[in-house]
C-alpha cells in the first residue's frame, strides 16, 4: 500500500545517502503508452485512471557504503520514472532513465538500472532552483527552473506520486527489487518558471499533454538502500 512512511526499515543498508533540492514534475499519460515500456511481470499503476510519469532532478549527497568507511560521493542526478505493480501486488518505481554525472553509478547497470552519463547542474539563484542536463552525445537534454513555495500537508494524490519504497529493475528474465527506506518528505509547493526537456521522447513516450503536478523537497537527511533481491518475473 502507498503510505507516507515505509512499513519495513532497511536494517543493514548497502548504501546510505541524503537527497537535496529535489523537484517532482509529474504528467498524466494514457496507461497504454507506459505499459508498452514495461517488462513482463510489471503492470502500470494508475491514479484517476491515468499512468503518471515523473521527471525528478535532485542532488544525491553523501552517498557511501552502509558499513565500510569510504569517502562519500555527491552528484547531480535526474530520473524519469513511473509507478508499477508486481504480480503479487507490491508497488514501486520503474525507472525509464537515470541521468548521472559519476561513473561509479554505472555499476547499477548490473541489475538493469538505465543509467546514462552526462553533464548535470543544480543551482540556487534568486529564490529559484535551476536544473540543467545533457546526456553524453548531446541527446536527450533538459532545462528546468522552479520557484519553491512553502510546505503543505499532502493529499492522497501527493502521497501516491511521491511515497514509494521499492524500485524495480530487470536483467533478462529476472526482476530485481531494491527497498529504499527514508525519512518522510517535506513537500513544498513549487511553480515552474521554465521547462524544456526531451527525456520523455528519448524514453519512447509521446510529449506530455496534461497539466503537470509539481512538488519540491529541500532535503531528506536519511536514506538507506537495501541489497537488491532477485525474483523471477515469469
C-alpha atoms as a PDB file:
ATOM      1  CA  UNK A   1       0.000   0.000   0.000  1.00  0.00           C
ATOM      2  CA  UNK A   2       1.171   3.534  -0.749  1.00  0.00           C
ATOM      3  CA  UNK A   3       1.911   5.319   2.531  1.00  0.00           C
ATOM      4  CA  UNK A   4       3.881   8.309   3.814  1.00  0.00           C
ATOM      5  CA  UNK A   5       6.275   6.102   5.803  1.00  0.00           C
ATOM      6  CA  UNK A   6       7.838   2.769   4.970  1.00  0.00           C
ATOM      7  CA  UNK A   7       6.389  -0.337   6.556  1.00  0.00           C
ATOM      8  CA  UNK A   8       9.761  -2.094   6.626  1.00  0.00           C
ATOM      9  CA  UNK A   9      13.022  -0.456   7.664  1.00  0.00           C
ATOM     10  CA  UNK A  10      16.308  -1.352   5.995  1.00  0.00           C
ATOM     11  CA  UNK A  11      18.320  -2.591   8.974  1.00  0.00           C
ATOM     12  CA  UNK A  12      21.551  -3.416   7.114  1.00  0.00           C
ATOM     13  CA  UNK A  13      21.780  -0.911   4.258  1.00  0.00           C
ATOM     14  CA  UNK A  14      24.161  -1.456   1.371  1.00  0.00           C
ATOM     15  CA  UNK A  15      24.253   2.297   0.734  1.00  0.00           C
ATOM     16  CA  UNK A  16      23.341   5.430   2.655  1.00  0.00           C
ATOM     17  CA  UNK A  17      22.771   8.928   1.310  1.00  0.00           C
ATOM     18  CA  UNK A  18      20.910  12.231   1.559  1.00  0.00           C
ATOM     19  CA  UNK A  19      18.662  13.783  -1.096  1.00  0.00           C
ATOM     20  CA  UNK A  20      18.816  17.535  -1.618  1.00  0.00           C
ATOM     21  CA  UNK A  21      16.865  20.083  -3.698  1.00  0.00           C
ATOM     22  CA  UNK A  22      14.547  17.540  -5.305  1.00  0.00           C
ATOM     23  CA  UNK A  23      11.800  18.638  -7.677  1.00  0.00           C
ATOM     24  CA  UNK A  24       8.993  16.333  -8.825  1.00  0.00           C
ATOM     25  CA  UNK A  25       7.290  17.169 -12.114  1.00  0.00           C
ATOM     26  CA  UNK A  26       4.551  14.612 -12.849  1.00  0.00           C
ATOM     27  CA  UNK A  27       2.498  14.272 -16.016  1.00  0.00           C
ATOM     28  CA  UNK A  28      -0.564  12.054 -16.607  1.00  0.00           C
ATOM     29  CA  UNK A  29      -0.414   9.592 -19.505  1.00  0.00           C
ATOM     30  CA  UNK A  30      -2.750   7.088 -21.052  1.00  0.00           C
ATOM     31  CA  UNK A  31      -1.779   3.800 -19.372  1.00  0.00           C
ATOM     32  CA  UNK A  32      -1.211   2.040 -22.708  1.00  0.00           C
ATOM     33  CA  UNK A  33       1.721   4.308 -23.550  1.00  0.00           C
ATOM     34  CA  UNK A  34       3.501   3.467 -20.307  1.00  0.00           C
ATOM     35  CA  UNK A  35       2.583  -0.225 -20.237  1.00  0.00           C
ATOM     36  CA  UNK A  36       4.287  -0.650 -23.621  1.00  0.00           C
ATOM     37  CA  UNK A  37       7.600   0.286 -21.967  1.00  0.00           C
ATOM     38  CA  UNK A  38       7.345  -2.165 -19.061  1.00  0.00           C
ATOM     39  CA  UNK A  39       8.842  -5.675 -18.885  1.00  0.00           C
ATOM     40  CA  UNK A  40       6.838  -8.856 -18.256  1.00  0.00           C
ATOM     41  CA  UNK A  41       5.867  -9.155 -14.622  1.00  0.00           C
ATOM     42  CA  UNK A  42       5.055  -5.475 -14.078  1.00  0.00           C
ATOM     43  CA  UNK A  43       1.770  -3.639 -14.619  1.00  0.00           C
ATOM     44  CA  UNK A  44       1.397   0.116 -14.781  1.00  0.00           C
ATOM     45  CA  UNK A  45      -0.101   1.597 -11.614  1.00  0.00           C
ATOM     46  CA  UNK A  46      -2.737   4.291 -12.097  1.00  0.00           C
ATOM     47  CA  UNK A  47      -4.340   7.148 -10.210  1.00  0.00           C
ATOM     48  CA  UNK A  48      -7.565   8.705 -11.504  1.00  0.00           C
ATOM     49  CA  UNK A  49      -7.347   6.246 -14.433  1.00  0.00           C
ATOM     50  CA  UNK A  50      -4.026   7.738 -15.574  1.00  0.00           C
ATOM     51  CA  UNK A  51      -0.479   6.479 -15.534  1.00  0.00           C
ATOM     52  CA  UNK A  52       1.967   9.063 -14.195  1.00  0.00           C
ATOM     53  CA  UNK A  53       5.490   9.814 -15.372  1.00  0.00           C
ATOM     54  CA  UNK A  54       7.774  11.746 -13.056  1.00  0.00           C
ATOM     55  CA  UNK A  55      10.721  13.938 -14.017  1.00  0.00           C
ATOM     56  CA  UNK A  56      12.808  14.281 -10.835  1.00  0.00           C
ATOM     57  CA  UNK A  57      16.120  16.192 -10.754  1.00  0.00           C
ATOM     58  CA  UNK A  58      17.980  16.384  -7.429  1.00  0.00           C
ATOM     59  CA  UNK A  59      21.356  16.113  -5.683  1.00  0.00           C
ATOM     60  CA  UNK A  60      22.431  12.725  -4.390  1.00  0.00           C
ATOM     61  CA  UNK A  61      24.545  13.793  -1.420  1.00  0.00           C
ATOM     62  CA  UNK A  62      26.940  11.898   0.849  1.00  0.00           C
ATOM     63  CA  UNK A  63      26.419   8.573  -0.937  1.00  0.00           C
ATOM     64  CA  UNK A  64      28.514   5.966   0.845  1.00  0.00           C
ATOM     65  CA  UNK A  65      28.557   2.258   1.704  1.00  0.00           C
ATOM     66  CA  UNK A  66      26.427   1.262   4.633  1.00  0.00           C
ATOM     67  CA  UNK A  67      29.328  -0.263   6.562  1.00  0.00           C
ATOM     68  CA  UNK A  68      32.733   0.492   5.028  1.00  0.00           C
ATOM     69  CA  UNK A  69      34.245   3.888   5.922  1.00  0.00           C
ATOM     70  CA  UNK A  70      34.917   5.393   2.498  1.00  0.00           C
ATOM     71  CA  UNK A  71      34.774   8.960   1.204  1.00  0.00           C
ATOM     72  CA  UNK A  72      31.165   9.941   0.338  1.00  0.00           C
ATOM     73  CA  UNK A  73      30.105  10.965  -3.171  1.00  0.00           C
ATOM     74  CA  UNK A  74      27.817  13.882  -4.006  1.00  0.00           C
ATOM     75  CA  UNK A  75      26.498  14.476  -7.512  1.00  0.00           C
ATOM     76  CA  UNK A  76      23.522  15.667  -9.511  1.00  0.00           C
ATOM     77  CA  UNK A  77      21.063  13.016 -10.682  1.00  0.00           C
ATOM     78  CA  UNK A  78      17.855  13.134 -12.706  1.00  0.00           C
ATOM     79  CA  UNK A  79      15.321  10.331 -13.008  1.00  0.00           C
ATOM     80  CA  UNK A  80      12.467   9.750 -15.389  1.00  0.00           C
ATOM     81  CA  UNK A  81      10.205   7.260 -13.641  1.00  0.00           C
ATOM     82  CA  UNK A  82       6.773   5.731 -13.488  1.00  0.00           C
ATOM     83  CA  UNK A  83       4.825   3.634 -10.999  1.00  0.00           C
ATOM     84  CA  UNK A  84       4.144  -0.072 -11.270  1.00  0.00           C
ATOM     85  CA  UNK A  85       2.881  -3.168  -9.501  1.00  0.00           C
ATOM     86  CA  UNK A  86       4.342  -6.634  -9.457  1.00  0.00           C
ATOM     87  CA  UNK A  87       2.058  -9.640  -9.961  1.00  0.00           C
ATOM     88  CA  UNK A  88       1.810 -10.137  -6.194  1.00  0.00           C
ATOM     89  CA  UNK A  89       0.592  -6.539  -5.790  1.00  0.00           C
ATOM     90  CA  UNK A  90       3.824  -4.998  -4.482  1.00  0.00           C
ATOM     91  CA  UNK A  91       4.074  -1.423  -5.781  1.00  0.00           C
ATOM     92  CA  UNK A  92       7.202   0.522  -6.636  1.00  0.00           C
ATOM     93  CA  UNK A  93       9.108   2.709  -9.063  1.00  0.00           C
ATOM     94  CA  UNK A  94      10.234   1.738 -12.561  1.00  0.00           C
ATOM     95  CA  UNK A  95      12.974   3.951 -13.990  1.00  0.00           C
ATOM     96  CA  UNK A  96      12.708   4.897 -17.650  1.00  0.00           C
ATOM     97  CA  UNK A  97      16.088   6.632 -17.445  1.00  0.00           C
ATOM     98  CA  UNK A  98      18.631   7.708 -14.836  1.00  0.00           C
ATOM     99  CA  UNK A  99      20.974  10.578 -15.701  1.00  0.00           C
ATOM    100  CA  UNK A 100      24.149  10.788 -13.574  1.00  0.00           C
ATOM    101  CA  UNK A 101      27.477  12.591 -13.572  1.00  0.00           C
ATOM    102  CA  UNK A 102      29.711   9.935 -11.991  1.00  0.00           C
ATOM    103  CA  UNK A 103      30.994   6.658 -13.442  1.00  0.00           C
ATOM    104  CA  UNK A 104      30.558   4.960 -10.072  1.00  0.00           C
ATOM    105  CA  UNK A 105      26.787   4.894 -10.629  1.00  0.00           C
ATOM    106  CA  UNK A 106      27.188   2.938 -13.862  1.00  0.00           C
ATOM    107  CA  UNK A 107      27.613  -0.187 -11.718  1.00  0.00           C
ATOM    108  CA  UNK A 108      23.825  -0.117 -11.371  1.00  0.00           C
ATOM    109  CA  UNK A 109      23.697  -1.500 -14.941  1.00  0.00           C
ATOM    110  CA  UNK A 110      24.466  -4.876 -13.326  1.00  0.00           C
ATOM    111  CA  UNK A 111      20.854  -5.033 -12.100  1.00  0.00           C
ATOM    112  CA  UNK A 112      19.388  -3.294 -15.129  1.00  0.00           C
ATOM    113  CA  UNK A 113      19.162   0.316 -13.979  1.00  0.00           C
ATOM    114  CA  UNK A 114      19.138   2.511 -17.133  1.00  0.00           C
ATOM    115  CA  UNK A 115      21.971   4.836 -16.059  1.00  0.00           C
ATOM    116  CA  UNK A 116      23.492   7.326 -18.516  1.00  0.00           C
ATOM    117  CA  UNK A 117      26.496   9.586 -18.057  1.00  0.00           C
ATOM    118  CA  UNK A 118      26.073  13.263 -18.760  1.00  0.00           C
ATOM    119  CA  UNK A 119      26.696  16.826 -17.617  1.00  0.00           C
ATOM    120  CA  UNK A 120      24.162  17.939 -14.977  1.00  0.00           C
ATOM    121  CA  UNK A 121      23.840  21.076 -12.863  1.00  0.00           C
ATOM    122  CA  UNK A 122      21.755  22.176  -9.889  1.00  0.00           C
ATOM    123  CA  UNK A 123      21.955  25.865  -8.892  1.00  0.00           C
ATOM    124  CA  UNK A 124      20.121  28.085  -6.410  1.00  0.00           C
ATOM    125  CA  UNK A 125      19.689  31.649  -7.648  1.00  0.00           C
ATOM    126  CA  UNK A 126      17.376  34.474  -6.519  1.00  0.00           C
ATOM    127  CA  UNK A 127      14.936  32.194  -4.754  1.00  0.00           C
ATOM    128  CA  UNK A 128      14.728  29.756  -7.671  1.00  0.00           C
ATOM    129  CA  UNK A 129      16.303  26.359  -8.307  1.00  0.00           C
ATOM    130  CA  UNK A 130      17.740  25.832 -11.780  1.00  0.00           C
ATOM    131  CA  UNK A 131      18.424  22.382 -13.197  1.00  0.00           C
ATOM    132  CA  UNK A 132      20.128  21.591 -16.472  1.00  0.00           C
ATOM    133  CA  UNK A 133      21.456  18.418 -18.024  1.00  0.00           C
ATOM    134  CA  UNK A 134      22.511  16.775 -21.245  1.00  0.00           C
ATOM    135  CA  UNK A 135      23.386  13.135 -21.827  1.00  0.00           C
ATOM    136  CA  UNK A 136      26.764  12.300 -23.295  1.00  0.00           C
ATOM    137  CA  UNK A 137      26.342  12.561 -27.056  1.00  0.00           C
ATOM    138  CA  UNK A 138      24.070  15.608 -26.833  1.00  0.00           C
ATOM    139  CA  UNK A 139      20.622  13.970 -26.549  1.00  0.00           C
ATOM    140  CA  UNK A 140      18.376  13.982 -24.590  1.00  0.00           C
ATOM    141  CA  UNK A 141      18.626  17.171 -22.539  1.00  0.00           C
ATOM    142  CA  UNK A 142      16.568  19.313 -20.180  1.00  0.00           C
ATOM    143  CA  UNK A 143      16.350  22.716 -18.520  1.00  0.00           C
ATOM    144  CA  UNK A 144      14.063  23.352 -15.559  1.00  0.00           C
ATOM    145  CA  UNK A 145      13.649  26.376 -13.301  1.00  0.00           C
ATOM    146  CA  UNK A 146      11.278  26.185 -10.338  1.00  0.00           C
ATOM    147  CA  UNK A 147      10.415  28.629  -7.587  1.00  0.00           C
ATOM    148  CA  UNK A 148       9.733  26.675  -4.380  1.00  0.00           C
ATOM    149  CA  UNK A 149       6.960  27.758  -2.053  1.00  0.00           C
ATOM    150  CA  UNK A 150       6.131  26.779   1.488  1.00  0.00           C
ATOM    151  CA  UNK A 151       5.448  23.319   2.912  1.00  0.00           C
ATOM    152  CA  UNK A 152       1.928  21.919   2.880  1.00  0.00           C
ATOM    153  CA  UNK A 153       0.010  18.871   4.039  1.00  0.00           C
ATOM    154  CA  UNK A 154      -0.042  16.372   1.145  1.00  0.00           C
ATOM    155  CA  UNK A 155      -3.335  14.930  -0.046  1.00  0.00           C
ATOM    156  CA  UNK A 156      -3.915  11.396  -1.332  1.00  0.00           C
ATOM    157  CA  UNK A 157      -2.581  12.134  -4.822  1.00  0.00           C
ATOM    158  CA  UNK A 158       0.528  13.864  -3.487  1.00  0.00           C
ATOM    159  CA  UNK A 159       1.334  10.815  -1.378  1.00  0.00           C
ATOM    160  CA  UNK A 160       0.636   8.444  -4.272  1.00  0.00           C
ATOM    161  CA  UNK A 161       3.089  10.306  -6.506  1.00  0.00           C
ATOM    162  CA  UNK A 162       5.937  10.617  -4.005  1.00  0.00           C
ATOM    163  CA  UNK A 163       5.755   7.814  -1.429  1.00  0.00           C
ATOM    164  CA  UNK A 164       7.173   4.628  -2.929  1.00  0.00           C
ATOM    165  CA  UNK A 165       9.501   2.292  -1.049  1.00  0.00           C
ATOM    166  CA  UNK A 166      10.716  -0.133  -3.713  1.00  0.00           C
ATOM    167  CA  UNK A 167      12.481   0.256  -7.051  1.00  0.00           C
ATOM    168  CA  UNK A 168      12.337  -2.437  -9.736  1.00  0.00           C
ATOM    169  CA  UNK A 169      14.947  -3.155 -12.394  1.00  0.00           C
ATOM    170  CA  UNK A 170      15.331  -6.069 -14.795  1.00  0.00           C
ATOM    171  CA  UNK A 171      18.091  -8.168 -16.363  1.00  0.00           C
ATOM    172  CA  UNK A 172      16.914 -10.913 -18.731  1.00  0.00           C
ATOM    173  CA  UNK A 173      14.007 -12.812 -17.126  1.00  0.00           C
ATOM    174  CA  UNK A 174      14.822 -11.620 -13.600  1.00  0.00           C
ATOM    175  CA  UNK A 175      13.253  -8.653 -11.824  1.00  0.00           C
ATOM    176  CA  UNK A 176      15.316  -7.040  -9.095  1.00  0.00           C
ATOM    177  CA  UNK A 177      13.768  -5.215  -6.161  1.00  0.00           C
ATOM    178  CA  UNK A 178      15.634  -2.637  -4.100  1.00  0.00           C
ATOM    179  CA  UNK A 179      13.967  -1.351  -0.949  1.00  0.00           C
ATOM    180  CA  UNK A 180      14.568   2.341  -0.215  1.00  0.00           C
ATOM    181  CA  UNK A 181      13.927   3.427   3.372  1.00  0.00           C
ATOM    182  CA  UNK A 182      13.977   7.166   4.057  1.00  0.00           C
ATOM    183  CA  UNK A 183      12.551   9.878   6.261  1.00  0.00           C
ATOM    184  CA  UNK A 184       9.176  11.266   5.120  1.00  0.00           C
ATOM    185  CA  UNK A 185       9.344  14.009   2.512  1.00  0.00           C
ATOM    186  CA  UNK A 186       8.876  17.617   3.499  1.00  0.00           C
ATOM    187  CA  UNK A 187       6.820  18.544   0.449  1.00  0.00           C
ATOM    188  CA  UNK A 188       6.570  22.153  -0.694  1.00  0.00           C
ATOM    189  CA  UNK A 189       4.536  23.734  -3.427  1.00  0.00           C
ATOM    190  CA  UNK A 190       6.524  24.870  -6.446  1.00  0.00           C
ATOM    191  CA  UNK A 191       5.970  26.974  -9.551  1.00  0.00           C
ATOM    192  CA  UNK A 192       7.577  26.031 -12.845  1.00  0.00           C
ATOM    193  CA  UNK A 193       9.209  29.107 -14.353  1.00  0.00           C
ATOM    194  CA  UNK A 194      10.793  27.343 -17.339  1.00  0.00           C
ATOM    195  CA  UNK A 195      10.816  23.746 -18.565  1.00  0.00           C
ATOM    196  CA  UNK A 196      12.243  22.244 -21.723  1.00  0.00           C
ATOM    197  CA  UNK A 197      13.020  18.543 -21.905  1.00  0.00           C
ATOM    198  CA  UNK A 198      13.428  15.665 -24.366  1.00  0.00           C
ATOM    199  CA  UNK A 199      13.747  12.846 -21.809  1.00  0.00           C
ATOM    200  CA  UNK A 200      10.184  11.643 -22.395  1.00  0.00           C
ATOM    201  CA  UNK A 201      10.732  11.455 -26.159  1.00  0.00           C
ATOM    202  CA  UNK A 202      14.016   9.576 -25.689  1.00  0.00           C
ATOM    203  CA  UNK A 203      12.227   7.063 -23.437  1.00  0.00           C
ATOM    204  CA  UNK A 204       9.663   6.278 -26.146  1.00  0.00           C
ATOM    205  CA  UNK A 205       6.760   8.347 -24.836  1.00  0.00           C
ATOM    206  CA  UNK A 206       4.742  10.994 -26.655  1.00  0.00           C
ATOM    207  CA  UNK A 207       5.257  14.569 -25.406  1.00  0.00           C
ATOM    208  CA  UNK A 208       3.354  15.309 -22.178  1.00  0.00           C
ATOM    209  CA  UNK A 209      -0.046  16.822 -22.875  1.00  0.00           C
ATOM    210  CA  UNK A 210      -1.759  17.095 -19.491  1.00  0.00           C
ATOM    211  CA  UNK A 211      -1.068  19.712 -16.816  1.00  0.00           C
ATOM    212  CA  UNK A 212       1.939  18.926 -14.629  1.00  0.00           C
ATOM    213  CA  UNK A 213       1.744  18.353 -10.881  1.00  0.00           C
ATOM    214  CA  UNK A 214       4.813  19.896  -9.229  1.00  0.00           C
ATOM    215  CA  UNK A 215       6.379  19.402  -5.787  1.00  0.00           C
ATOM    216  CA  UNK A 216       9.671  20.410  -4.211  1.00  0.00           C
ATOM    217  CA  UNK A 217      11.528  18.885  -1.270  1.00  0.00           C
ATOM    218  CA  UNK A 218      14.521  20.728   0.228  1.00  0.00           C
ATOM    219  CA  UNK A 219      16.148  17.645   1.736  1.00  0.00           C
ATOM    220  CA  UNK A 220      15.801  14.137   3.103  1.00  0.00           C
ATOM    221  CA  UNK A 221      18.567  13.572   5.616  1.00  0.00           C
ATOM    222  CA  UNK A 222      18.483   9.799   5.994  1.00  0.00           C
ATOM    223  CA  UNK A 223      18.178   7.445   3.005  1.00  0.00           C
ATOM    224  CA  UNK A 224      19.021   3.734   3.218  1.00  0.00           C
ATOM    225  CA  UNK A 225      19.202   1.329   0.265  1.00  0.00           C
ATOM    226  CA  UNK A 226      18.840  -2.419   0.686  1.00  0.00           C
ATOM    227  CA  UNK A 227      20.760  -5.096  -1.165  1.00  0.00           C
ATOM    228  CA  UNK A 228      18.854  -5.742  -4.427  1.00  0.00           C
ATOM    229  CA  UNK A 229      16.917  -9.006  -4.351  1.00  0.00           C
ATOM    230  CA  UNK A 230      16.066 -11.051  -7.452  1.00  0.00           C
ATOM    231  CA  UNK A 231      12.657 -12.510  -8.192  1.00  0.00           C
ATOM    232  CA  UNK A 232      11.672 -14.285 -11.393  1.00  0.00           C
ATOM    233  CA  UNK A 233       9.196 -12.304 -13.471  1.00  0.00           C
ATOM    234  CA  UNK A 234       7.807 -15.321 -15.362  1.00  0.00           C
END
